[in-house]
PDB file of N, CA and C in Angstrom:
ATOM      1  N   VAL A   1       0.850  -1.179   0.000  1.00  0.00           N
ATOM      2  CA  VAL A   1       0.000   0.000   0.000  1.00  0.00           C
ATOM      3  C   VAL A   1       0.889   1.233   0.000  1.00  0.00           C
ATOM      4  N   LYS A   2       0.544   2.172  -0.848  1.00  0.00           N
ATOM      5  CA  LYS A   2       1.270   3.434  -0.886  1.00  0.00           C
ATOM      6  C   LYS A   2       0.273   4.569  -0.754  1.00  0.00           C
ATOM      7  N   LEU A   3       0.488   5.445   0.205  1.00  0.00           N
ATOM      8  CA  LEU A   3      -0.349   6.619   0.390  1.00  0.00           C
ATOM      9  C   LEU A   3       0.017   7.644  -0.681  1.00  0.00           C
ATOM     10  N   VAL A   4      -0.939   7.972  -1.543  1.00  0.00           N
ATOM     11  CA  VAL A   4      -0.652   8.921  -2.621  1.00  0.00           C
ATOM     12  C   VAL A   4      -1.405  10.233  -2.454  1.00  0.00           C
ATOM     13  N   GLY A   5      -2.446  10.265  -1.604  1.00  0.00           N
ATOM     14  CA  GLY A   5      -3.197  11.496  -1.457  1.00  0.00           C
ATOM     15  C   GLY A   5      -4.024  11.523  -0.193  1.00  0.00           C
ATOM     16  N   VAL A   6      -4.277  12.739   0.270  1.00  0.00           N
ATOM     17  CA  VAL A   6      -5.083  12.964   1.466  1.00  0.00           C
ATOM     18  C   VAL A   6      -5.962  14.184   1.222  1.00  0.00           C
ATOM     19  N   CYS A   7      -7.213  14.063   1.647  1.00  0.00           N
ATOM     20  CA  CYS A   7      -8.140  15.188   1.576  1.00  0.00           C
ATOM     21  C   CYS A   7      -8.590  15.520   2.987  1.00  0.00           C
ATOM     22  N   ASP A   8      -8.513  16.783   3.344  1.00  0.00           N
ATOM     23  CA  ASP A   8      -8.977  17.252   4.646  1.00  0.00           C
ATOM     24  C   ASP A   8      -9.259  18.745   4.531  1.00  0.00           C
ATOM     25  N   LEU A   9     -10.163  19.238   5.342  1.00  0.00           N
ATOM     26  CA  LEU A   9     -10.493  20.663   5.306  1.00  0.00           C
ATOM     27  C   LEU A   9      -9.539  21.507   6.144  1.00  0.00           C
ATOM     28  N   TYR A  10      -8.736  20.876   6.982  1.00  0.00           N
ATOM     29  CA  TYR A  10      -7.863  21.604   7.897  1.00  0.00           C
ATOM     30  C   TYR A  10      -6.417  21.573   7.422  1.00  0.00           C
ATOM     31  N   ASN A  11      -5.849  22.756   7.263  1.00  0.00           N
ATOM     32  CA  ASN A  11      -4.467  22.881   6.783  1.00  0.00           C
ATOM     33  C   ASN A  11      -3.481  22.153   7.677  1.00  0.00           C
ATOM     34  N   GLY A  12      -3.721  22.170   8.982  1.00  0.00           N
ATOM     35  CA  GLY A  12      -2.802  21.519   9.915  1.00  0.00           C
ATOM     36  C   GLY A  12      -2.643  20.033   9.622  1.00  0.00           C
ATOM     37  N   ARG A  13      -3.735  19.357   9.310  1.00  0.00           N
ATOM     38  CA  ARG A  13      -3.659  17.924   8.990  1.00  0.00           C
ATOM     39  C   ARG A  13      -2.978  17.694   7.648  1.00  0.00           C
ATOM     40  N   LEU A  14      -3.227  18.574   6.695  1.00  0.00           N
ATOM     41  CA  LEU A  14      -2.576  18.445   5.388  1.00  0.00           C
ATOM     42  C   LEU A  14      -1.074  18.660   5.519  1.00  0.00           C
ATOM     43  N   ASP A  15      -0.689  19.664   6.299  1.00  0.00           N
ATOM     44  CA  ASP A  15       0.737  19.926   6.531  1.00  0.00           C
ATOM     45  C   ASP A  15       1.395  18.744   7.252  1.00  0.00           C
ATOM     46  N   ARG A  16       0.705  18.191   8.241  1.00  0.00           N
ATOM     47  CA  ARG A  16       1.246  17.068   9.002  1.00  0.00           C
ATOM     48  C   ARG A  16       1.420  15.835   8.116  1.00  0.00           C
ATOM     49  N   THR A  17       0.498  15.651   7.174  1.00  0.00           N
ATOM     50  CA  THR A  17       0.615  14.536   6.232  1.00  0.00           C
ATOM     51  C   THR A  17       1.921  14.624   5.465  1.00  0.00           C
ATOM     52  N   LYS A  18       2.249  15.811   4.985  1.00  0.00           N
ATOM     53  CA  LYS A  18       3.494  15.998   4.228  1.00  0.00           C
ATOM     54  C   LYS A  18       4.714  15.761   5.119  1.00  0.00           C
ATOM     55  N   GLU A  19       4.627  16.174   6.386  1.00  0.00           N
ATOM     56  CA  GLU A  19       5.733  15.932   7.318  1.00  0.00           C
ATOM     57  C   GLU A  19       5.955  14.434   7.529  1.00  0.00           C
ATOM     58  N   LEU A  20       4.868  13.687   7.689  1.00  0.00           N
ATOM     59  CA  LEU A  20       4.970  12.265   7.989  1.00  0.00           C
ATOM     60  C   LEU A  20       5.266  11.391   6.774  1.00  0.00           C
ATOM     61  N   TYR A  21       4.675  11.740   5.619  1.00  0.00           N
ATOM     62  CA  TYR A  21       4.726  10.844   4.461  1.00  0.00           C
ATOM     63  C   TYR A  21       5.472  11.415   3.260  1.00  0.00           C
ATOM     64  N   GLY A  22       5.975  12.633   3.379  1.00  0.00           N
ATOM     65  CA  GLY A  22       6.788  13.212   2.320  1.00  0.00           C
ATOM     66  C   GLY A  22       6.061  14.258   1.495  1.00  0.00           C
ATOM     67  N   LYS A  23       6.859  15.074   0.853  1.00  0.00           N
ATOM     68  CA  LYS A  23       6.333  16.205   0.075  1.00  0.00           C
ATOM     69  C   LYS A  23       5.589  15.770  -1.183  1.00  0.00           C
ATOM     70  N   ASP A  24       5.794  14.524  -1.632  1.00  0.00           N
ATOM     71  CA  ASP A  24       5.161  14.058  -2.864  1.00  0.00           C
ATOM     72  C   ASP A  24       3.705  13.631  -2.678  1.00  0.00           C
ATOM     73  N   VAL A  25       3.244  13.517  -1.441  1.00  0.00           N
ATOM     74  CA  VAL A  25       1.859  13.127  -1.205  1.00  0.00           C
ATOM     75  C   VAL A  25       0.947  14.279  -1.627  1.00  0.00           C
ATOM     76  N   PHE A  26      -0.011  13.973  -2.483  1.00  0.00           N
ATOM     77  CA  PHE A  26      -0.979  14.965  -2.954  1.00  0.00           C
ATOM     78  C   PHE A  26      -1.941  15.308  -1.814  1.00  0.00           C
ATOM     79  N   THR A  27      -2.144  16.593  -1.562  1.00  0.00           N
ATOM     80  CA  THR A  27      -3.093  17.025  -0.536  1.00  0.00           C
ATOM     81  C   THR A  27      -4.080  18.009  -1.156  1.00  0.00           C
ATOM     82  N   THR A  28      -5.318  17.946  -0.680  1.00  0.00           N
ATOM     83  CA  THR A  28      -6.369  18.806  -1.208  1.00  0.00           C
ATOM     84  C   THR A  28      -7.475  18.970  -0.171  1.00  0.00           C
ATOM     85  N   LYS A  29      -8.286  19.980  -0.366  1.00  0.00           N
ATOM     86  CA  LYS A  29      -9.486  20.161   0.450  1.00  0.00           C
ATOM     87  C   LYS A  29     -10.736  19.718  -0.307  1.00  0.00           C
ATOM     88  N   ASN A  30     -10.577  19.319  -1.560  1.00  0.00           N
ATOM     89  CA  ASN A  30     -11.693  18.927  -2.420  1.00  0.00           C
ATOM     90  C   ASN A  30     -11.579  17.436  -2.745  1.00  0.00           C
ATOM     91  N   TYR A  31     -12.437  16.629  -2.157  1.00  0.00           N
ATOM     92  CA  TYR A  31     -12.325  15.185  -2.336  1.00  0.00           C
ATOM     93  C   TYR A  31     -12.489  14.753  -3.792  1.00  0.00           C
ATOM     94  N   GLN A  32     -13.197  15.529  -4.599  1.00  0.00           N
ATOM     95  CA  GLN A  32     -13.362  15.192  -6.011  1.00  0.00           C
ATOM     96  C   GLN A  32     -12.005  15.186  -6.727  1.00  0.00           C
ATOM     97  N   GLU A  33     -11.100  16.072  -6.335  1.00  0.00           N
ATOM     98  CA  GLU A  33      -9.757  16.101  -6.933  1.00  0.00           C
ATOM     99  C   GLU A  33      -9.016  14.795  -6.662  1.00  0.00           C
ATOM    100  N   LEU A  34      -9.202  14.250  -5.489  1.00  0.00           N
ATOM    101  CA  LEU A  34      -8.560  12.980  -5.139  1.00  0.00           C
ATOM    102  C   LEU A  34      -9.164  11.832  -5.952  1.00  0.00           C
ATOM    103  N   LEU A  35     -10.475  11.858  -6.104  1.00  0.00           N
ATOM    104  CA  LEU A  35     -11.147  10.796  -6.863  1.00  0.00           C
ATOM    105  C   LEU A  35     -10.803  10.841  -8.345  1.00  0.00           C
ATOM    106  N   ASP A  36     -10.440  11.998  -8.852  1.00  0.00           N
ATOM    107  CA  ASP A  36     -10.084  12.141 -10.271  1.00  0.00           C
ATOM    108  C   ASP A  36      -8.704  11.588 -10.601  1.00  0.00           C
ATOM    109  N   ARG A  37      -7.906  11.303  -9.596  1.00  0.00           N
ATOM    110  CA  ARG A  37      -6.533  10.837  -9.839  1.00  0.00           C
ATOM    111  C   ARG A  37      -6.506   9.388 -10.286  1.00  0.00           C
ATOM    112  N   LYS A  38      -5.711   9.107 -11.306  1.00  0.00           N
ATOM    113  CA  LYS A  38      -5.571   7.753 -11.843  1.00  0.00           C
ATOM    114  C   LYS A  38      -4.734   6.854 -10.932  1.00  0.00           C
ATOM    115  N   ASP A  39      -3.878   7.454 -10.079  1.00  0.00           N
ATOM    116  CA  ASP A  39      -3.018   6.658  -9.203  1.00  0.00           C
ATOM    117  C   ASP A  39      -3.689   6.290  -7.882  1.00  0.00           C
ATOM    118  N   VAL A  40      -4.970   6.615  -7.727  1.00  0.00           N
ATOM    119  CA  VAL A  40      -5.732   6.252  -6.532  1.00  0.00           C
ATOM    120  C   VAL A  40      -6.617   5.061  -6.876  1.00  0.00           C
ATOM    121  N   ASP A  41      -6.357   3.925  -6.229  1.00  0.00           N
ATOM    122  CA  ASP A  41      -7.134   2.713  -6.459  1.00  0.00           C
ATOM    123  C   ASP A  41      -8.236   2.526  -5.421  1.00  0.00           C
ATOM    124  N   ALA A  42      -7.988   3.019  -4.203  1.00  0.00           N
ATOM    125  CA  ALA A  42      -8.918   2.815  -3.097  1.00  0.00           C
ATOM    126  C   ALA A  42      -8.887   4.027  -2.179  1.00  0.00           C
ATOM    127  N   VAL A  43      -9.990   4.247  -1.480  1.00  0.00           N
ATOM    128  CA  VAL A  43     -10.076   5.370  -0.550  1.00  0.00           C
ATOM    129  C   VAL A  43     -10.595   4.896   0.800  1.00  0.00           C
ATOM    130  N   ILE A  44     -10.205   5.619   1.819  1.00  0.00           N
ATOM    131  CA  ILE A  44     -10.751   5.438   3.160  1.00  0.00           C
ATOM    132  C   ILE A  44     -11.597   6.674   3.435  1.00  0.00           C
ATOM    133  N   ILE A  45     -12.856   6.463   3.744  1.00  0.00           N
ATOM    134  CA  ILE A  45     -13.748   7.579   4.040  1.00  0.00           C
ATOM    135  C   ILE A  45     -13.935   7.636   5.544  1.00  0.00           C
ATOM    136  N   ALA A  46     -13.345   8.658   6.144  1.00  0.00           N
ATOM    137  CA  ALA A  46     -13.375   8.840   7.595  1.00  0.00           C
ATOM    138  C   ALA A  46     -13.680  10.306   7.875  1.00  0.00           C
ATOM    139  N   THR A  47     -14.865  10.710   7.495  1.00  0.00           N
ATOM    140  CA  THR A  47     -15.276  12.098   7.614  1.00  0.00           C
ATOM    141  C   THR A  47     -16.536  12.167   8.466  1.00  0.00           C
ATOM    142  N   SER A  48     -17.157  13.310   8.532  1.00  0.00           N
ATOM    143  CA  SER A  48     -18.416  13.433   9.262  1.00  0.00           C
ATOM    144  C   SER A  48     -19.426  12.439   8.693  1.00  0.00           C
ATOM    145  N   ASP A  49     -20.198  11.827   9.569  1.00  0.00           N
ATOM    146  CA  ASP A  49     -21.094  10.735   9.167  1.00  0.00           C
ATOM    147  C   ASP A  49     -22.029  11.098   8.025  1.00  0.00           C
ATOM    148  N   HIS A  50     -22.521  12.322   8.001  1.00  0.00           N
ATOM    149  CA  HIS A  50     -23.497  12.684   6.972  1.00  0.00           C
ATOM    150  C   HIS A  50     -22.890  12.764   5.568  1.00  0.00           C
ATOM    151  N   TRP A  51     -21.582  12.647   5.450  1.00  0.00           N
ATOM    152  CA  TRP A  51     -20.912  12.633   4.141  1.00  0.00           C
ATOM    153  C   TRP A  51     -20.582  11.226   3.669  1.00  0.00           C
ATOM    154  N   HIS A  52     -20.710  10.229   4.519  1.00  0.00           N
ATOM    155  CA  HIS A  52     -20.289   8.872   4.175  1.00  0.00           C
ATOM    156  C   HIS A  52     -20.943   8.355   2.904  1.00  0.00           C
ATOM    157  N   ASP A  53     -22.264   8.478   2.798  1.00  0.00           N
ATOM    158  CA  ASP A  53     -22.933   7.938   1.615  1.00  0.00           C
ATOM    159  C   ASP A  53     -22.563   8.705   0.359  1.00  0.00           C
ATOM    160  N   HIS A  54     -22.521  10.033   0.442  1.00  0.00           N
ATOM    161  CA  HIS A  54     -22.183  10.851  -0.732  1.00  0.00           C
ATOM    162  C   HIS A  54     -20.795  10.522  -1.275  1.00  0.00           C
ATOM    163  N   MET A  55     -19.822  10.480  -0.370  1.00  0.00           N
ATOM    164  CA  MET A  55     -18.447  10.229  -0.791  1.00  0.00           C
ATOM    165  C   MET A  55     -18.243   8.787  -1.253  1.00  0.00           C
ATOM    166  N   SER A  56     -18.904   7.849  -0.598  1.00  0.00           N
ATOM    167  CA  SER A  56     -18.803   6.444  -1.014  1.00  0.00           C
ATOM    168  C   SER A  56     -19.342   6.263  -2.426  1.00  0.00           C
ATOM    169  N   ILE A  57     -20.500   6.831  -2.700  1.00  0.00           N
ATOM    170  CA  ILE A  57     -21.095   6.725  -4.031  1.00  0.00           C
ATOM    171  C   ILE A  57     -20.203   7.386  -5.072  1.00  0.00           C
ATOM    172  N   ALA A  58     -19.690   8.566  -4.757  1.00  0.00           N
ATOM    173  CA  ALA A  58     -18.804   9.273  -5.702  1.00  0.00           C
ATOM    174  C   ALA A  58     -17.556   8.439  -5.993  1.00  0.00           C
ATOM    175  N   ALA A  59     -16.966   7.850  -4.958  1.00  0.00           N
ATOM    176  CA  ALA A  59     -15.752   7.042  -5.138  1.00  0.00           C
ATOM    177  C   ALA A  59     -16.045   5.797  -5.966  1.00  0.00           C
ATOM    178  N   LEU A  60     -17.136   5.119  -5.671  1.00  0.00           N
ATOM    179  CA  LEU A  60     -17.506   3.928  -6.436  1.00  0.00           C
ATOM    180  C   LEU A  60     -17.771   4.266  -7.894  1.00  0.00           C
ATOM    181  N   ASN A  61     -18.445   5.391  -8.123  1.00  0.00           N
ATOM    182  CA  ASN A  61     -18.725   5.823  -9.493  1.00  0.00           C
ATOM    183  C   ASN A  61     -17.453   6.173 -10.268  1.00  0.00           C
ATOM    184  N   LYS A  62     -16.385   6.501  -9.547  1.00  0.00           N
ATOM    185  CA  LYS A  62     -15.095   6.792 -10.177  1.00  0.00           C
ATOM    186  C   LYS A  62     -14.216   5.546 -10.276  1.00  0.00           C
ATOM    187  N   GLY A  63     -14.765   4.392  -9.870  1.00  0.00           N
ATOM    188  CA  GLY A  63     -14.020   3.136  -9.992  1.00  0.00           C
ATOM    189  C   GLY A  63     -13.040   2.868  -8.875  1.00  0.00           C
ATOM    190  N   LYS A  64     -13.263   3.453  -7.707  1.00  0.00           N
ATOM    191  CA  LYS A  64     -12.370   3.243  -6.569  1.00  0.00           C
ATOM    192  C   LYS A  64     -12.965   2.209  -5.615  1.00  0.00           C
ATOM    193  N   HIS A  65     -12.108   1.417  -4.978  1.00  0.00           N
ATOM    194  CA  HIS A  65     -12.531   0.567  -3.883  1.00  0.00           C
ATOM    195  C   HIS A  65     -12.720   1.476  -2.669  1.00  0.00           C
ATOM    196  N   VAL A  66     -13.622   1.099  -1.753  1.00  0.00           N
ATOM    197  CA  VAL A  66     -13.970   1.991  -0.645  1.00  0.00           C
ATOM    198  C   VAL A  66     -13.941   1.266   0.691  1.00  0.00           C
ATOM    199  N   TYR A  67     -13.277   1.877   1.667  1.00  0.00           N
ATOM    200  CA  TYR A  67     -13.424   1.491   3.065  1.00  0.00           C
ATOM    201  C   TYR A  67     -14.105   2.674   3.730  1.00  0.00           C
ATOM    202  N   CYS A  68     -15.281   2.453   4.280  1.00  0.00           N
ATOM    203  CA  CYS A  68     -16.033   3.534   4.916  1.00  0.00           C
ATOM    204  C   CYS A  68     -16.225   3.214   6.384  1.00  0.00           C
ATOM    205  N   GLU A  69     -15.862   4.172   7.239  1.00  0.00           N
ATOM    206  CA  GLU A  69     -16.087   3.939   8.661  1.00  0.00           C
ATOM    207  C   GLU A  69     -17.588   3.948   8.943  1.00  0.00           C
ATOM    208  N   LYS A  70     -17.987   3.394  10.058  1.00  0.00           N
ATOM    209  CA  LYS A  70     -19.398   3.348  10.379  1.00  0.00           C
ATOM    210  C   LYS A  70     -19.810   4.566  11.190  1.00  0.00           C
ATOM    211  N   PRO A  71     -21.053   4.965  11.175  1.00  0.00           N
ATOM    212  CA  PRO A  71     -22.132   4.389  10.394  1.00  0.00           C
ATOM    213  C   PRO A  71     -22.027   4.808   8.931  1.00  0.00           C
ATOM    214  N   MET A  72     -22.342   3.881   8.043  1.00  0.00           N
ATOM    215  CA  MET A  72     -22.280   4.196   6.611  1.00  0.00           C
ATOM    216  C   MET A  72     -23.381   5.186   6.243  1.00  0.00           C
ATOM    217  N   VAL A  73     -24.576   5.001   6.820  1.00  0.00           N
ATOM    218  CA  VAL A  73     -25.711   5.898   6.571  1.00  0.00           C
ATOM    219  C   VAL A  73     -26.477   6.095   7.872  1.00  0.00           C
ATOM    220  N   HIS A  74     -27.322   7.108   7.888  1.00  0.00           N
ATOM    221  CA  HIS A  74     -28.152   7.373   9.063  1.00  0.00           C
ATOM    222  C   HIS A  74     -29.526   6.718   8.952  1.00  0.00           C
ATOM    223  N   LYS A  75     -30.040   6.623   7.728  1.00  0.00           N
ATOM    224  CA  LYS A  75     -31.352   6.029   7.495  1.00  0.00           C
ATOM    225  C   LYS A  75     -31.195   4.889   6.497  1.00  0.00           C
ATOM    226  N   LEU A  76     -31.948   3.835   6.675  1.00  0.00           N
ATOM    227  CA  LEU A  76     -31.844   2.681   5.786  1.00  0.00           C
ATOM    228  C   LEU A  76     -32.041   3.060   4.323  1.00  0.00           C
ATOM    229  N   GLU A  77     -32.945   3.987   4.054  1.00  0.00           N
ATOM    230  CA  GLU A  77     -33.203   4.391   2.665  1.00  0.00           C
ATOM    231  C   GLU A  77     -31.951   4.952   1.987  1.00  0.00           C
ATOM    232  N   GLU A  78     -31.094   5.614   2.753  1.00  0.00           N
ATOM    233  CA  GLU A  78     -29.864   6.175   2.187  1.00  0.00           C
ATOM    234  C   GLU A  78     -28.910   5.073   1.733  1.00  0.00           C
ATOM    235  N   GLY A  79     -29.002   3.927   2.377  1.00  0.00           N
ATOM    236  CA  GLY A  79     -28.107   2.823   2.048  1.00  0.00           C
ATOM    237  C   GLY A  79     -28.395   2.181   0.705  1.00  0.00           C
ATOM    238  N   GLU A  80     -29.612   2.297   0.233  1.00  0.00           N
ATOM    239  CA  GLU A  80     -29.982   1.684  -1.047  1.00  0.00           C
ATOM    240  C   GLU A  80     -29.145   2.228  -2.194  1.00  0.00           C
ATOM    241  N   ALA A  81     -28.903   3.531  -2.207  1.00  0.00           N
ATOM    242  CA  ALA A  81     -28.097   4.137  -3.270  1.00  0.00           C
ATOM    243  C   ALA A  81     -26.638   3.692  -3.183  1.00  0.00           C
ATOM    244  N   VAL A  82     -26.133   3.526  -1.968  1.00  0.00           N
ATOM    245  CA  VAL A  82     -24.758   3.057  -1.787  1.00  0.00           C
ATOM    246  C   VAL A  82     -24.627   1.618  -2.296  1.00  0.00           C
ATOM    247  N   ILE A  83     -25.576   0.775  -1.942  1.00  0.00           N
ATOM    248  CA  ILE A  83     -25.548  -0.621  -2.380  1.00  0.00           C
ATOM    249  C   ILE A  83     -25.642  -0.703  -3.900  1.00  0.00           C
ATOM    250  N   ALA A  84     -26.510   0.105  -4.484  1.00  0.00           N
ATOM    251  CA  ALA A  84     -26.655   0.107  -5.946  1.00  0.00           C
ATOM    252  C   ALA A  84     -25.359   0.545  -6.621  1.00  0.00           C
ATOM    253  N   ALA A  85     -24.701   1.563  -6.076  1.00  0.00           N
ATOM    254  CA  ALA A  85     -23.441   2.049  -6.643  1.00  0.00           C
ATOM    255  C   ALA A  85     -22.358   0.987  -6.539  1.00  0.00           C
ATOM    256  N   GLN A  86     -22.324   0.272  -5.415  1.00  0.00           N
ATOM    257  CA  GLN A  86     -21.321  -0.780  -5.243  1.00  0.00           C
ATOM    258  C   GLN A  86     -21.560  -1.917  -6.230  1.00  0.00           C
ATOM    259  N   LYS A  87     -22.799  -2.325  -6.372  1.00  0.00           N
ATOM    260  CA  LYS A  87     -23.113  -3.420  -7.308  1.00  0.00           C
ATOM    261  C   LYS A  87     -22.788  -3.023  -8.744  1.00  0.00           C
ATOM    262  N   LYS A  88     -23.111  -1.795  -9.112  1.00  0.00           N
ATOM    263  CA  LYS A  88     -22.835  -1.315 -10.479  1.00  0.00           C
ATOM    264  C   LYS A  88     -21.340  -1.254 -10.748  1.00  0.00           C
ATOM    265  N   SER A  89     -20.573  -0.801  -9.753  1.00  0.00           N
ATOM    266  CA  SER A  89     -19.129  -0.634  -9.939  1.00  0.00           C
ATOM    267  C   SER A  89     -18.370  -1.951  -9.889  1.00  0.00           C
ATOM    268  N   GLY A  90     -18.869  -2.905  -9.116  1.00  0.00           N
ATOM    269  CA  GLY A  90     -18.160  -4.160  -8.923  1.00  0.00           C
ATOM    270  C   GLY A  90     -16.930  -4.024  -8.039  1.00  0.00           C
ATOM    271  N   LYS A  91     -16.759  -2.903  -7.404  1.00  0.00           N
ATOM    272  CA  LYS A  91     -15.615  -2.663  -6.526  1.00  0.00           C
ATOM    273  C   LYS A  91     -15.889  -3.178  -5.120  1.00  0.00           C
ATOM    274  N   VAL A  92     -14.827  -3.395  -4.370  1.00  0.00           N
ATOM    275  CA  VAL A  92     -14.938  -3.850  -2.995  1.00  0.00           C
ATOM    276  C   VAL A  92     -15.294  -2.662  -2.118  1.00  0.00           C
ATOM    277  N   MET A  93     -16.286  -2.883  -1.256  1.00  0.00           N
ATOM    278  CA  MET A  93     -16.649  -1.842  -0.292  1.00  0.00           C
ATOM    279  C   MET A  93     -16.776  -2.491   1.053  1.00  0.00           C
TER     280      MET A  93
END
C-alpha cells in the first residue's frame, strides 16, 4: 500500500501529512480532486457521518474501492443508493 493522497479541510492535517509521508503526497481540500486521480485505487472515508454515503457513491462511481467507517448511513433508505453504486461498480466496499 502506498499513500498517494489525502483530503482534509484543515491545513494543519494536510501539513502534518506531508511531514509524515513526504512532500510528494498529494493534498487537497476537495475530495473530487482525489477521486479524479488515476493513481488512486482505493479510498478510506473517515469524515463526518453525513458525508459517508455521498463520498462512497462518488468514489464507487469513479471506480475506486472503498473502506467507509461506520455508520455508513443514518437512514436505511440512504443505504440503497450506496448498495446500488457498489453493485454497479463491482468494486470492494
